[in-house]
Protein backbone atom coordinates (compact mmCIF):
# COMPACT_ATOMS: atom_id res chain seq x y z
CA MET A 1 0.00 0.00 -0.01
CA LYS A 2 2.82 2.42 0.88
CA HIS A 3 4.58 1.77 -2.44
CA LYS A 4 1.57 3.03 -4.42
CA GLY A 5 1.56 6.35 -2.55
CA ARG A 6 5.29 6.73 -3.08
CA ARG A 7 4.94 6.67 -6.86
CA SER A 8 2.78 9.81 -6.90
CA GLU A 9 5.58 11.67 -5.07
CA VAL A 10 7.82 11.41 -8.15
CA PRO A 11 7.77 14.74 -10.10
CA ALA A 12 5.95 14.58 -13.43
CA HIS A 13 9.00 15.81 -15.39
CA PHE A 14 10.93 12.70 -14.31
CA SER A 15 8.39 10.39 -15.96
CA GLY A 16 9.56 11.09 -19.53
CA PRO A 17 13.33 10.63 -18.98
CA VAL A 18 12.77 7.47 -16.93
CA GLN A 19 10.68 5.89 -19.69
CA LEU A 20 13.33 6.87 -22.24
CA ILE A 21 16.12 5.36 -20.13
CA MET A 22 14.12 2.14 -19.69
CA LEU A 23 13.56 1.96 -23.46
CA VAL A 24 17.27 2.47 -24.17
CA TRP A 25 18.17 -0.06 -21.44
CA ARG A 26 15.88 -2.73 -22.95
CA THR A 27 17.25 -2.04 -26.45
CA LEU A 28 20.80 -2.33 -25.13
CA ILE A 29 20.06 -5.67 -23.42
CA ALA A 30 18.38 -6.96 -26.59
CA ALA A 31 21.38 -5.89 -28.70
CA VAL A 32 23.83 -7.62 -26.29
CA ASP A 33 21.67 -10.77 -26.35
CA VAL A 34 21.76 -10.87 -30.15
CA ALA A 35 25.52 -10.20 -30.21
CA VAL A 36 26.15 -13.03 -27.74
CA ARG A 37 24.07 -15.41 -29.86
CA ILE A 38 25.96 -14.45 -33.05
CA TRP A 39 29.41 -14.72 -31.43
CA GLY A 40 28.45 -17.92 -29.61
CA GLN A 41 27.87 -19.84 -32.85
């Protein structure tokens, strides 16, 4: 219950950058995964 209230404390202007960082992070992990598969063969 406390965790839900904490999320609303985060300033709105942080929402955009955080989503962008998460998108870049997922893309980076996906790229590394593909590279490992290619080099592994």
